[in-house]
Structures are given as C-alpha cells and as structure tokens.
C-alpha cells in the first residue's frame, strides 16, 4: 500500500492497515497525536476500525507540551 504522510510518499506498507496499525508501524505515541485522513479528522475512538486505502493522504500532528 502507498500512502502520503505529511507530504512524503510511503511505499510498501502492509495491507490491510488501520490507523492504529499505522501508528504502531511508525512507532508513534497514540495519546499525543492527531490524524487527518483525506482532509477529515480521524477520531481517536475510530483508530482501531478506520481502514486506510491505497493513495490516502494523511497529516499526523504531534502535540508537544510546554509552558
């Protein structure tokens, strides 16, 4: 599967792949990110069930604390 993540092409990702599976594959901390898929926000409650499709465009935002 091929996805565009934050403007970069990612080829040869495993199929089938859910948002949670992608997070795990990329080694990201699920609690501190937001994901947009094809210009729509993906709710954290649907990470497990939202299946990704070849050609999807994702933006992954990392939250950083500070003060």
N, C-alpha and C. Protein backbone atom coordinates (compact mmCIF):
# COMPACT_ATOMS: atom_id res chain seq x y z
N UNK A 1 0.84 -1.18 0.00
CA UNK A 1 0.00 0.00 0.00
C UNK A 1 0.89 1.24 0.00
N UNK A 2 0.44 2.26 -0.70
CA UNK A 2 1.16 3.53 -0.77
C UNK A 2 0.32 4.62 -0.14
N UNK A 3 0.91 5.38 0.77
CA UNK A 3 0.25 6.50 1.44
C UNK A 3 1.15 7.72 1.34
N UNK A 4 0.53 8.89 1.42
CA UNK A 4 1.27 10.14 1.54
C UNK A 4 1.07 10.61 2.98
N UNK A 5 2.17 10.68 3.73
CA UNK A 5 2.11 11.06 5.14
C UNK A 5 2.94 12.32 5.32
N UNK A 6 2.27 13.39 5.75
CA UNK A 6 2.92 14.69 5.93
C UNK A 6 3.73 15.09 4.70
N UNK A 7 3.14 14.86 3.53
CA UNK A 7 3.76 15.28 2.28
C UNK A 7 4.79 14.34 1.71
N UNK A 8 5.08 13.24 2.39
CA UNK A 8 6.08 12.28 1.91
C UNK A 8 5.42 10.97 1.52
N UNK A 9 5.88 10.40 0.40
CA UNK A 9 5.38 9.11 -0.05
C UNK A 9 5.93 8.00 0.82
N UNK A 10 5.05 7.10 1.21
CA UNK A 10 5.45 5.90 1.96
C UNK A 10 4.94 4.70 1.17
N UNK A 11 5.88 3.93 0.63
CA UNK A 11 5.54 2.79 -0.22
C UNK A 11 5.67 1.48 0.55
N UNK A 12 5.02 0.49 0.04
CA UNK A 12 5.14 -0.88 0.55
C UNK A 12 4.71 -1.04 2.01
N UNK A 13 3.68 -0.31 2.42
CA UNK A 13 3.13 -0.52 3.76
C UNK A 13 2.27 -1.78 3.74
N UNK A 14 2.17 -2.47 4.87
CA UNK A 14 1.39 -3.72 4.90
C UNK A 14 -0.10 -3.47 4.68
N UNK A 15 -0.77 -4.44 4.12
CA UNK A 15 -2.22 -4.39 3.93
C UNK A 15 -2.85 -5.60 4.59
N UNK A 16 -4.04 -5.52 5.12
CA UNK A 16 -4.80 -4.29 5.38
C UNK A 16 -4.14 -3.51 6.52
N UNK A 17 -4.45 -2.22 6.57
CA UNK A 17 -3.84 -1.35 7.58
C UNK A 17 -4.88 -0.38 8.12
N UNK A 18 -5.02 -0.37 9.44
CA UNK A 18 -5.88 0.60 10.10
C UNK A 18 -5.03 1.77 10.56
N UNK A 19 -5.69 2.83 11.01
CA UNK A 19 -4.96 3.98 11.55
C UNK A 19 -4.11 3.52 12.73
N UNK A 20 -4.68 2.72 13.62
CA UNK A 20 -3.91 2.24 14.78
C UNK A 20 -2.72 1.40 14.32
N UNK A 21 -2.91 0.56 13.31
CA UNK A 21 -1.81 -0.23 12.78
C UNK A 21 -0.70 0.64 12.21
N UNK A 22 -1.07 1.73 11.55
CA UNK A 22 -0.07 2.66 11.02
C UNK A 22 0.69 3.33 12.16
N UNK A 23 -0.02 3.75 13.20
CA UNK A 23 0.62 4.37 14.36
C UNK A 23 1.65 3.41 14.96
N UNK A 24 1.26 2.16 15.11
CA UNK A 24 2.16 1.15 15.65
C UNK A 24 3.35 0.94 14.72
N UNK A 25 3.08 0.82 13.42
CA UNK A 25 4.13 0.60 12.42
C UNK A 25 5.15 1.74 12.44
N UNK A 26 4.69 2.97 12.62
CA UNK A 26 5.58 4.12 12.63
C UNK A 26 6.20 4.39 14.00
N UNK A 27 5.73 3.67 15.04
CA UNK A 27 6.28 3.84 16.38
C UNK A 27 5.89 5.16 17.03
N UNK A 28 4.68 5.63 16.74
CA UNK A 28 4.22 6.91 17.29
C UNK A 28 3.43 6.72 18.58
N UNK A 29 3.47 7.71 19.48
CA UNK A 29 2.68 7.64 20.71
C UNK A 29 1.24 8.06 20.43
N UNK A 30 0.31 7.14 20.50
CA UNK A 30 -1.08 7.39 20.12
C UNK A 30 -1.74 8.52 20.92
N UNK A 31 -1.36 8.70 22.17
CA UNK A 31 -2.03 9.67 23.02
C UNK A 31 -1.69 11.12 22.67
N UNK A 32 -0.60 11.37 21.98
CA UNK A 32 -0.17 12.75 21.73
C UNK A 32 -0.17 13.12 20.26
N UNK A 33 -1.08 12.52 19.48
CA UNK A 33 -1.14 12.86 18.07
C UNK A 33 -2.58 13.08 17.62
N UNK A 34 -2.72 13.79 16.52
CA UNK A 34 -3.99 13.93 15.82
C UNK A 34 -3.73 13.55 14.38
N UNK A 35 -4.72 12.92 13.75
CA UNK A 35 -4.55 12.45 12.39
C UNK A 35 -5.68 12.95 11.51
N UNK A 36 -5.29 13.45 10.35
CA UNK A 36 -6.23 13.87 9.33
C UNK A 36 -6.05 12.93 8.14
N UNK A 37 -7.16 12.37 7.66
CA UNK A 37 -7.12 11.47 6.51
C UNK A 37 -7.96 12.08 5.40
N UNK A 38 -7.34 12.36 4.29
CA UNK A 38 -8.03 12.97 3.15
C UNK A 38 -8.84 14.19 3.56
N UNK A 39 -8.20 15.05 4.37
CA UNK A 39 -8.75 16.33 4.82
C UNK A 39 -9.88 16.20 5.85
N UNK A 40 -10.03 15.03 6.48
CA UNK A 40 -11.01 14.84 7.54
C UNK A 40 -10.31 14.29 8.78
N UNK A 41 -10.63 14.89 9.93
CA UNK A 41 -10.03 14.43 11.19
C UNK A 41 -10.54 13.03 11.51
N UNK A 42 -9.63 12.17 11.93
CA UNK A 42 -9.99 10.81 12.36
C UNK A 42 -10.10 10.84 13.88
N UNK A 43 -11.27 10.50 14.39
CA UNK A 43 -11.50 10.45 15.84
C UNK A 43 -10.67 9.33 16.46
N UNK A 44 -10.07 9.61 17.60
CA UNK A 44 -9.27 8.58 18.28
C UNK A 44 -10.08 7.33 18.57
N UNK A 45 -11.37 7.50 18.79
CA UNK A 45 -12.22 6.34 19.09
C UNK A 45 -12.38 5.42 17.88
N UNK A 46 -12.00 5.89 16.68
CA UNK A 46 -12.12 5.06 15.48
C UNK A 46 -10.78 4.63 14.90
N UNK A 47 -9.67 4.90 15.60
CA UNK A 47 -8.35 4.50 15.10
C UNK A 47 -8.30 3.00 14.79
N UNK A 48 -8.92 2.20 15.65
CA UNK A 48 -8.87 0.74 15.50
C UNK A 48 -9.65 0.26 14.27
N UNK A 49 -10.72 0.96 13.91
CA UNK A 49 -11.60 0.48 12.85
C UNK A 49 -11.46 1.24 11.53
N UNK A 50 -10.76 2.35 11.52
CA UNK A 50 -10.61 3.12 10.28
C UNK A 50 -9.53 2.49 9.42
N UNK A 51 -9.98 1.88 8.32
CA UNK A 51 -9.04 1.23 7.41
C UNK A 51 -8.52 2.22 6.39
N UNK A 52 -7.24 2.15 6.14
CA UNK A 52 -6.59 3.03 5.17
C UNK A 52 -6.63 2.38 3.80
N UNK A 53 -6.67 3.22 2.77
CA UNK A 53 -6.72 2.75 1.39
C UNK A 53 -5.52 3.27 0.62
N UNK A 54 -5.12 2.53 -0.39
CA UNK A 54 -4.01 2.94 -1.23
C UNK A 54 -4.27 4.35 -1.75
N UNK A 55 -3.28 5.23 -1.60
CA UNK A 55 -3.39 6.59 -2.09
C UNK A 55 -3.92 7.59 -1.08
N UNK A 56 -4.31 7.14 0.12
CA UNK A 56 -4.79 8.07 1.14
C UNK A 56 -3.70 9.10 1.45
N UNK A 57 -4.15 10.31 1.78
CA UNK A 57 -3.24 11.39 2.17
C UNK A 57 -3.49 11.68 3.64
N UNK A 58 -2.44 11.54 4.44
CA UNK A 58 -2.56 11.72 5.89
C UNK A 58 -1.67 12.85 6.38
N UNK A 59 -2.16 13.56 7.35
CA UNK A 59 -1.36 14.54 8.09
C UNK A 59 -1.36 14.07 9.54
N UNK A 60 -0.19 13.93 10.12
CA UNK A 60 -0.07 13.50 11.51
C UNK A 60 0.57 14.63 12.29
N UNK A 61 -0.15 15.10 13.30
CA UNK A 61 0.29 16.22 14.12
C UNK A 61 0.70 15.68 15.47
N UNK A 62 1.89 16.07 15.95
CA UNK A 62 2.38 15.68 17.26
C UNK A 62 2.18 16.85 18.21
N UNK A 63 1.58 16.59 19.37
CA UNK A 63 1.40 17.63 20.37
C UNK A 63 2.62 17.63 21.29
N UNK A 64 3.12 18.83 21.57
CA UNK A 64 4.27 18.98 22.45
C UNK A 64 3.88 19.91 23.57
N UNK A 65 4.06 19.44 24.81
CA UNK A 65 3.73 20.27 25.98
C UNK A 65 4.83 21.26 26.28
N UNK A 66 4.47 22.24 27.02
CA UNK A 66 5.46 23.23 27.40
C UNK A 66 4.77 24.40 28.08
N UNK A 67 5.52 25.32 28.48
CA UNK A 67 4.87 26.43 29.13
C UNK A 67 5.78 27.52 29.38
